[in-house]
C-alpha atoms as a PDB file:
ATOM      1  CA  UNK A   1     159.288 125.776 101.517  1.00  0.00           C
ATOM      2  CA  UNK A   2     158.887 126.013 105.303  1.00  0.00           C
ATOM      3  CA  UNK A   3     156.920 123.167 106.854  1.00  0.00           C
ATOM      4  CA  UNK A   4     155.878 122.835 110.498  1.00  0.00           C
ATOM      5  CA  UNK A   5     155.184 119.320 111.766  1.00  0.00           C
ATOM      6  CA  UNK A   6     153.177 118.651 114.920  1.00  0.00           C
ATOM      7  CA  UNK A   7     154.383 115.531 116.690  1.00  0.00           C
ATOM      8  CA  UNK A   8     157.876 116.182 115.413  1.00  0.00           C
ATOM      9  CA  UNK A   9     159.493 113.314 117.332  1.00  0.00           C
ATOM     10  CA  UNK A  10     157.146 110.636 116.017  1.00  0.00           C
ATOM     11  CA  UNK A  11     158.485 107.793 113.922  1.00  0.00           C
ATOM     12  CA  UNK A  12     156.850 109.030 110.727  1.00  0.00           C
ATOM     13  CA  UNK A  13     157.644 112.672 111.498  1.00  0.00           C
ATOM     14  CA  UNK A  14     161.380 112.057 111.966  1.00  0.00           C
ATOM     15  CA  UNK A  15     161.502 110.238 108.636  1.00  0.00           C
ATOM     16  CA  UNK A  16     159.584 113.068 106.977  1.00  0.00           C
ATOM     17  CA  UNK A  17     161.904 115.664 108.481  1.00  0.00           C
ATOM     18  CA  UNK A  18     164.926 113.868 107.047  1.00  0.00           C
ATOM     19  CA  UNK A  19     163.329 113.722 103.609  1.00  0.00           C
ATOM     20  CA  UNK A  20     162.292 117.378 103.604  1.00  0.00           C
ATOM     21  CA  UNK A  21     165.587 118.659 104.976  1.00  0.00           C
ATOM     22  CA  UNK A  22     167.449 116.497 102.483  1.00  0.00           C
ATOM     23  CA  UNK A  23     165.702 118.151  99.558  1.00  0.00           C
ATOM     24  CA  UNK A  24     166.348 121.633 100.911  1.00  0.00           C
ATOM     25  CA  UNK A  25     163.122 122.536 102.695  1.00  0.00           C
ATOM     26  CA  UNK A  26     163.110 124.389 106.002  1.00  0.00           C
ATOM     27  CA  UNK A  27     161.500 122.125 108.590  1.00  0.00           C
ATOM     28  CA  UNK A  28     160.351 122.719 112.160  1.00  0.00           C
ATOM     29  CA  UNK A  29     159.045 119.975 114.412  1.00  0.00           C
ATOM     30  CA  UNK A  30     156.841 120.680 117.413  1.00  0.00           C
ATOM     31  CA  UNK A  31     157.807 118.533 120.397  1.00  0.00           C
ATOM     32  CA  UNK A  32     156.604 118.316 123.983  1.00  0.00           C
ATOM     33  CA  UNK A  33     159.860 117.248 125.632  1.00  0.00           C
ATOM     34  CA  UNK A  34     163.034 119.369 125.355  1.00  0.00           C
ATOM     35  CA  UNK A  35     165.217 116.248 125.557  1.00  0.00           C
ATOM     36  CA  UNK A  36     163.891 115.200 122.141  1.00  0.00           C
ATOM     37  CA  UNK A  37     165.473 118.218 120.453  1.00  0.00           C
ATOM     38  CA  UNK A  38     168.718 116.430 119.565  1.00  0.00           C
ATOM     39  CA  UNK A  39     166.911 113.834 117.466  1.00  0.00           C
ATOM     40  CA  UNK A  40     165.221 116.575 115.442  1.00  0.00           C
ATOM     41  CA  UNK A  41     168.475 118.430 114.920  1.00  0.00           C
ATOM     42  CA  UNK A  42     170.045 115.208 113.694  1.00  0.00           C
ATOM     43  CA  UNK A  43     167.164 114.862 111.213  1.00  0.00           C
ATOM     44  CA  UNK A  44     167.769 118.394 109.932  1.00  0.00           C
ATOM     45  CA  UNK A  45     164.747 119.969 111.620  1.00  0.00           C
ATOM     46  CA  UNK A  46     164.390 122.901 113.978  1.00  0.00           C
ATOM     47  CA  UNK A  47     162.987 121.704 117.322  1.00  0.00           C
ATOM     48  CA  UNK A  48     160.120 123.787 118.699  1.00  0.00           C
ATOM     49  CA  UNK A  49     159.102 122.965 122.264  1.00  0.00           C
ATOM     50  CA  UNK A  50     155.352 123.416 122.676  1.00  0.00           C
ATOM     51  CA  UNK A  51     152.832 121.235 124.489  1.00  0.00           C
ATOM     52  CA  UNK A  52     149.808 121.081 122.196  1.00  0.00           C
ATOM     53  CA  UNK A  53     147.677 119.694 125.010  1.00  0.00           C
ATOM     54  CA  UNK A  54     148.025 122.899 127.019  1.00  0.00           C
ATOM     55  CA  UNK A  55     149.381 125.698 124.815  1.00  0.00           C
ATOM     56  CA  UNK A  56     147.131 128.663 123.980  1.00  0.00           C
ATOM     57  CA  UNK A  57     146.133 129.256 120.381  1.00  0.00           C
ATOM     58  CA  UNK A  58     148.262 132.388 120.069  1.00  0.00           C
ATOM     59  CA  UNK A  59     151.423 130.491 121.021  1.00  0.00           C
ATOM     60  CA  UNK A  60     150.826 127.715 118.515  1.00  0.00           C
ATOM     61  CA  UNK A  61     149.933 130.206 115.780  1.00  0.00           C
ATOM     62  CA  UNK A  62     153.190 132.059 116.445  1.00  0.00           C
ATOM     63  CA  UNK A  63     155.126 128.862 115.693  1.00  0.00           C
ATOM     64  CA  UNK A  64     153.292 128.618 112.355  1.00  0.00           C
ATOM     65  CA  UNK A  65     153.941 132.198 111.242  1.00  0.00           C
ATOM     66  CA  UNK A  66     155.659 132.258 107.846  1.00  0.00           C
ATOM     67  CA  UNK A  67     155.097 128.551 107.152  1.00  0.00           C
ATOM     68  CA  UNK A  68     153.994 127.340 103.732  1.00  0.00           C
ATOM     69  CA  UNK A  69     152.449 124.134 105.051  1.00  0.00           C
ATOM     70  CA  UNK A  70     151.613 122.287 108.261  1.00  0.00           C
ATOM     71  CA  UNK A  71     151.477 118.555 108.965  1.00  0.00           C
ATOM     72  CA  UNK A  72     149.663 117.097 111.962  1.00  0.00           C
ATOM     73  CA  UNK A  73     151.488 113.866 112.769  1.00  0.00           C
ATOM     74  CA  UNK A  74     151.015 113.884 116.537  1.00  0.00           C
ATOM     75  CA  UNK A  75     149.427 111.122 118.562  1.00  0.00           C
ATOM     76  CA  UNK A  76     149.069 110.103 122.169  1.00  0.00           C
ATOM     77  CA  UNK A  77     151.004 106.947 121.388  1.00  0.00           C
ATOM     78  CA  UNK A  78     151.098 103.423 122.822  1.00  0.00           C
ATOM     79  CA  UNK A  79     150.366 103.120 126.499  1.00  0.00           C
ATOM     80  CA  UNK A  80     148.179 106.206 126.654  1.00  0.00           C
ATOM     81  CA  UNK A  81     144.589 105.987 127.847  1.00  0.00           C
ATOM     82  CA  UNK A  82     141.234 107.166 126.595  1.00  0.00           C
ATOM     83  CA  UNK A  83     141.615 110.706 127.936  1.00  0.00           C
ATOM     84  CA  UNK A  84     144.833 111.396 126.029  1.00  0.00           C
ATOM     85  CA  UNK A  85     143.332 110.093 122.809  1.00  0.00           C
ATOM     86  CA  UNK A  86     140.835 112.927 123.185  1.00  0.00           C
ATOM     87  CA  UNK A  87     143.335 115.593 124.217  1.00  0.00           C
ATOM     88  CA  UNK A  88     146.013 114.740 121.632  1.00  0.00           C
ATOM     89  CA  UNK A  89     144.479 112.891 118.693  1.00  0.00           C
ATOM     90  CA  UNK A  90     141.392 115.125 118.666  1.00  0.00           C
ATOM     91  CA  UNK A  91     141.817 118.362 120.600  1.00  0.00           C
ATOM     92  CA  UNK A  92     145.456 118.992 119.637  1.00  0.00           C
ATOM     93  CA  UNK A  93     144.625 118.418 115.967  1.00  0.00           C
ATOM     94  CA  UNK A  94     141.818 120.972 116.182  1.00  0.00           C
ATOM     95  CA  UNK A  95     144.106 123.447 117.945  1.00  0.00           C
ATOM     96  CA  UNK A  96     146.789 122.984 115.285  1.00  0.00           C
ATOM     97  CA  UNK A  97     144.220 123.571 112.536  1.00  0.00           C
ATOM     98  CA  UNK A  98     142.961 126.682 114.337  1.00  0.00           C
ATOM     99  CA  UNK A  99     146.541 127.912 114.595  1.00  0.00           C
ATOM    100  CA  UNK A 100     147.182 127.289 110.903  1.00  0.00           C
ATOM    101  CA  UNK A 101     144.139 129.353 110.006  1.00  0.00           C
ATOM    102  CA  UNK A 102     145.197 132.107 112.402  1.00  0.00           C
ATOM    103  CA  UNK A 103     148.703 132.187 110.889  1.00  0.00           C
ATOM    104  CA  UNK A 104     147.401 132.145 107.314  1.00  0.00           C
ATOM    105  CA  UNK A 105     148.815 128.702 106.478  1.00  0.00           C
ATOM    106  CA  UNK A 106     146.524 127.084 103.914  1.00  0.00           C
ATOM    107  CA  UNK A 107     148.203 123.756 103.096  1.00  0.00           C
ATOM    108  CA  UNK A 108     147.381 121.346 105.914  1.00  0.00           C
ATOM    109  CA  UNK A 109     147.947 117.595 105.982  1.00  0.00           C
ATOM    110  CA  UNK A 110     146.666 115.237 108.666  1.00  0.00           C
ATOM    111  CA  UNK A 111     148.072 111.788 109.379  1.00  0.00           C
ATOM    112  CA  UNK A 112     144.969 109.887 110.441  1.00  0.00           C
ATOM    113  CA  UNK A 113     143.992 106.220 110.693  1.00  0.00           C
ATOM    114  CA  UNK A 114     142.001 103.708 108.697  1.00  0.00           C
ATOM    115  CA  UNK A 115     138.553 103.135 110.139  1.00  0.00           C
ATOM    116  CA  UNK A 116     138.283 106.624 111.603  1.00  0.00           C
ATOM    117  CA  UNK A 117     135.039 107.290 109.726  1.00  0.00           C
ATOM    118  CA  UNK A 118     133.274 104.251 111.144  1.00  0.00           C
ATOM    119  CA  UNK A 119     131.944 103.520 114.602  1.00  0.00           C
ATOM    120  CA  UNK A 120     134.168 100.819 116.108  1.00  0.00           C
ATOM    121  CA  UNK A 121     132.595  97.404 116.561  1.00  0.00           C
ATOM    122  CA  UNK A 122     131.422  96.361 120.021  1.00  0.00           C
ATOM    123  CA  UNK A 123     134.392  94.026 120.514  1.00  0.00           C
ATOM    124  CA  UNK A 124     137.019  96.706 119.763  1.00  0.00           C
ATOM    125  CA  UNK A 125     139.464  97.410 122.567  1.00  0.00           C
ATOM    126  CA  UNK A 126     138.073 100.482 124.394  1.00  0.00           C
ATOM    127  CA  UNK A 127     141.304 102.493 124.131  1.00  0.00           C
ATOM    128  CA  UNK A 128     141.679 101.737 120.425  1.00  0.00           C
ATOM    129  CA  UNK A 129     138.019 102.607 119.907  1.00  0.00           C
ATOM    130  CA  UNK A 130     138.644 105.953 121.622  1.00  0.00           C
ATOM    131  CA  UNK A 131     141.626 106.488 119.331  1.00  0.00           C
ATOM    132  CA  UNK A 132     139.545 105.868 116.204  1.00  0.00           C
ATOM    133  CA  UNK A 133     136.752 108.139 117.434  1.00  0.00           C
ATOM    134  CA  UNK A 134     139.261 110.883 118.263  1.00  0.00           C
ATOM    135  CA  UNK A 135     140.885 110.641 114.839  1.00  0.00           C
ATOM    136  CA  UNK A 136     137.490 110.653 113.143  1.00  0.00           C
ATOM    137  CA  UNK A 137     136.345 113.723 115.068  1.00  0.00           C
ATOM    138  CA  UNK A 138     139.566 115.563 114.254  1.00  0.00           C
ATOM    139  CA  UNK A 139     139.298 114.656 110.572  1.00  0.00           C
ATOM    140  CA  UNK A 140     135.692 115.868 110.443  1.00  0.00           C
ATOM    141  CA  UNK A 141     136.685 119.176 111.996  1.00  0.00           C
ATOM    142  CA  UNK A 142     139.511 119.727 109.515  1.00  0.00           C
ATOM    143  CA  UNK A 143     137.433 118.672 106.515  1.00  0.00           C
ATOM    144  CA  UNK A 144     134.764 121.249 107.398  1.00  0.00           C
ATOM    145  CA  UNK A 145     137.233 124.139 107.036  1.00  0.00           C
ATOM    146  CA  UNK A 146     137.194 126.193 103.859  1.00  0.00           C
ATOM    147  CA  UNK A 147     140.241 128.211 104.944  1.00  0.00           C
ATOM    148  CA  UNK A 148     142.522 125.169 104.718  1.00  0.00           C
ATOM    149  CA  UNK A 149     143.688 123.242 101.661  1.00  0.00           C
ATOM    150  CA  UNK A 150     143.582 120.016 103.626  1.00  0.00           C
ATOM    151  CA  UNK A 151     144.447 116.444 102.795  1.00  0.00           C
ATOM    152  CA  UNK A 152     143.753 113.593 105.226  1.00  0.00           C
ATOM    153  CA  UNK A 153     146.059 110.582 104.853  1.00  0.00           C
ATOM    154  CA  UNK A 154     145.048 107.265 106.424  1.00  0.00           C
ATOM    155  CA  UNK A 155     147.840 104.677 106.343  1.00  0.00           C
ATOM    156  CA  UNK A 156     147.378 100.968 106.846  1.00  0.00           C
ATOM    157  CA  UNK A 157     149.192  98.947 109.491  1.00  0.00           C
ATOM    158  CA  UNK A 158     152.605 100.525 109.937  1.00  0.00           C
ATOM    159  CA  UNK A 159     155.879  98.612 109.737  1.00  0.00           C
ATOM    160  CA  UNK A 160     159.527  99.560 110.145  1.00  0.00           C
ATOM    161  CA  UNK A 161     160.601  97.687 107.026  1.00  0.00           C
ATOM    162  CA  UNK A 162     162.668  99.594 104.459  1.00  0.00           C
ATOM    163  CA  UNK A 163     160.650 101.785 102.136  1.00  0.00           C
ATOM    164  CA  UNK A 164     159.745 100.401  98.731  1.00  0.00           C
ATOM    165  CA  UNK A 165     158.582 103.592  96.958  1.00  0.00           C
ATOM    166  CA  UNK A 166     155.644 101.482  95.747  1.00  0.00           C
ATOM    167  CA  UNK A 167     152.170 102.101  97.173  1.00  0.00           C
ATOM    168  CA  UNK A 168     148.440 102.035  96.653  1.00  0.00           C
ATOM    169  CA  UNK A 169     146.889 105.449  97.324  1.00  0.00           C
ATOM    170  CA  UNK A 170     143.149 105.808  96.894  1.00  0.00           C
ATOM    171  CA  UNK A 171     139.901 106.809  98.564  1.00  0.00           C
ATOM    172  CA  UNK A 172     139.554 103.186  99.651  1.00  0.00           C
ATOM    173  CA  UNK A 173     142.356 100.626  99.507  1.00  0.00           C
ATOM    174  CA  UNK A 174     141.382  97.807 101.823  1.00  0.00           C
ATOM    175  CA  UNK A 175     143.518  96.934 104.817  1.00  0.00           C
ATOM    176  CA  UNK A 176     147.179  96.013 104.440  1.00  0.00           C
ATOM    177  CA  UNK A 177     150.613  97.065 105.632  1.00  0.00           C
ATOM    178  CA  UNK A 178     152.671 100.081 104.638  1.00  0.00           C
ATOM    179  CA  UNK A 179     156.138 101.081 105.779  1.00  0.00           C
ATOM    180  CA  UNK A 180     156.629 104.230 107.826  1.00  0.00           C
ATOM    181  CA  UNK A 181     159.274 105.303 105.318  1.00  0.00           C
ATOM    182  CA  UNK A 182     156.763 105.099 102.470  1.00  0.00           C
ATOM    183  CA  UNK A 183     154.207 107.054 104.511  1.00  0.00           C
ATOM    184  CA  UNK A 184     156.794 109.797 105.019  1.00  0.00           C
ATOM    185  CA  UNK A 185     157.627 109.806 101.321  1.00  0.00           C
ATOM    186  CA  UNK A 186     153.946 110.100 100.398  1.00  0.00           C
ATOM    187  CA  UNK A 187     153.536 113.012 102.827  1.00  0.00           C
ATOM    188  CA  UNK A 188     156.484 114.774 101.203  1.00  0.00           C
ATOM    189  CA  UNK A 189     154.921 114.244  97.778  1.00  0.00           C
ATOM    190  CA  UNK A 190     151.510 115.448  98.962  1.00  0.00           C
ATOM    191  CA  UNK A 191     153.082 118.686 100.180  1.00  0.00           C
ATOM    192  CA  UNK A 192     154.154 119.326  96.585  1.00  0.00           C
ATOM    193  CA  UNK A 193     150.779 118.433  95.071  1.00  0.00           C
ATOM    194  CA  UNK A 194     148.019 120.957  95.872  1.00  0.00           C
ATOM    195  CA  UNK A 195     145.691 119.002  93.605  1.00  0.00           C
ATOM    196  CA  UNK A 196     145.135 116.532  96.428  1.00  0.00           C
ATOM    197  CA  UNK A 197     143.535 119.207  98.611  1.00  0.00           C
ATOM    198  CA  UNK A 198     140.065 118.275  99.771  1.00  0.00           C
ATOM    199  CA  UNK A 199     140.733 114.529  99.609  1.00  0.00           C
ATOM    200  CA  UNK A 200     140.798 111.792 102.231  1.00  0.00           C
ATOM    201  CA  UNK A 201     143.156 109.083 101.015  1.00  0.00           C
ATOM    202  CA  UNK A 202     144.019 105.626 102.295  1.00  0.00           C
ATOM    203  CA  UNK A 203     147.547 104.308 101.852  1.00  0.00           C
ATOM    204  CA  UNK A 204     148.986 100.793 101.790  1.00  0.00           C
ATOM    205  CA  UNK A 205     151.918  99.121 100.114  1.00  0.00           C
ATOM    206  CA  UNK A 206     151.364  98.441  96.443  1.00  0.00           C
ATOM    207  CA  UNK A 207     152.859  98.468  92.961  1.00  0.00           C
ATOM    208  CA  UNK A 208     152.632 102.130  91.922  1.00  0.00           C
ATOM    209  CA  UNK A 209     155.605 104.476  92.362  1.00  0.00           C
ATOM    210  CA  UNK A 210     154.815 107.156  94.931  1.00  0.00           C
ATOM    211  CA  UNK A 211     155.177 110.114  92.571  1.00  0.00           C
ATOM    212  CA  UNK A 212     152.823 108.461  90.079  1.00  0.00           C
ATOM    213  CA  UNK A 213     150.307 107.529  92.786  1.00  0.00           C
ATOM    214  CA  UNK A 214     150.162 111.100  94.093  1.00  0.00           C
ATOM    215  CA  UNK A 215     149.787 112.534  90.583  1.00  0.00           C
ATOM    216  CA  UNK A 216     146.934 110.120  89.919  1.00  0.00           C
ATOM    217  CA  UNK A 217     145.209 111.128  93.156  1.00  0.00           C
ATOM    218  CA  UNK A 218     145.504 114.799  92.212  1.00  0.00           C
ATOM    219  CA  UNK A 219     143.933 114.121  88.823  1.00  0.00           C
ATOM    220  CA  UNK A 220     140.750 112.615  90.315  1.00  0.00           C
END
């Protein structure tokens, strides 16, 4: 399987690239900075330099030609302001979805955020509120598309602890932590499970093995 990951140098994306390459998949990661290429190569992924904030649709679609699946794992990241939440977390996600449709890639997974479907409370930090609104708008755009077999994954608070392979994966989980390694492992499992298409799933640490949790989600 060939998988193209937007935000290929992100902490979850690099873990996912290692997992996919390790099982024999062909992986490409879209990055904005050429100096990040070495980290992707070390993870077993092909680095593709493309700035999703400014690239035309045709260029992004070209990078997706021949792919079996696409994963949007990009984000403006810590330290970015309100404007980049809109241009990366929202607009770049929409562009990537447009490109997937143009290239004929049906399987499409979005790494989103808990709370993205709700209006942030009045006391929410303005930048974080913009982030949640941007993620929610991107999710709504993707979920309206009939040409994509989409799954939206919304992890809880991320940690760098070692993965446990034990999670809770459901439409609603409540708020709790989950390791980045377990998020990557769930993404890899979702890529293999088309039965989860059309679902928005929350993810936290739990007691169910990942393979079992993904199978259960597909059976709903």
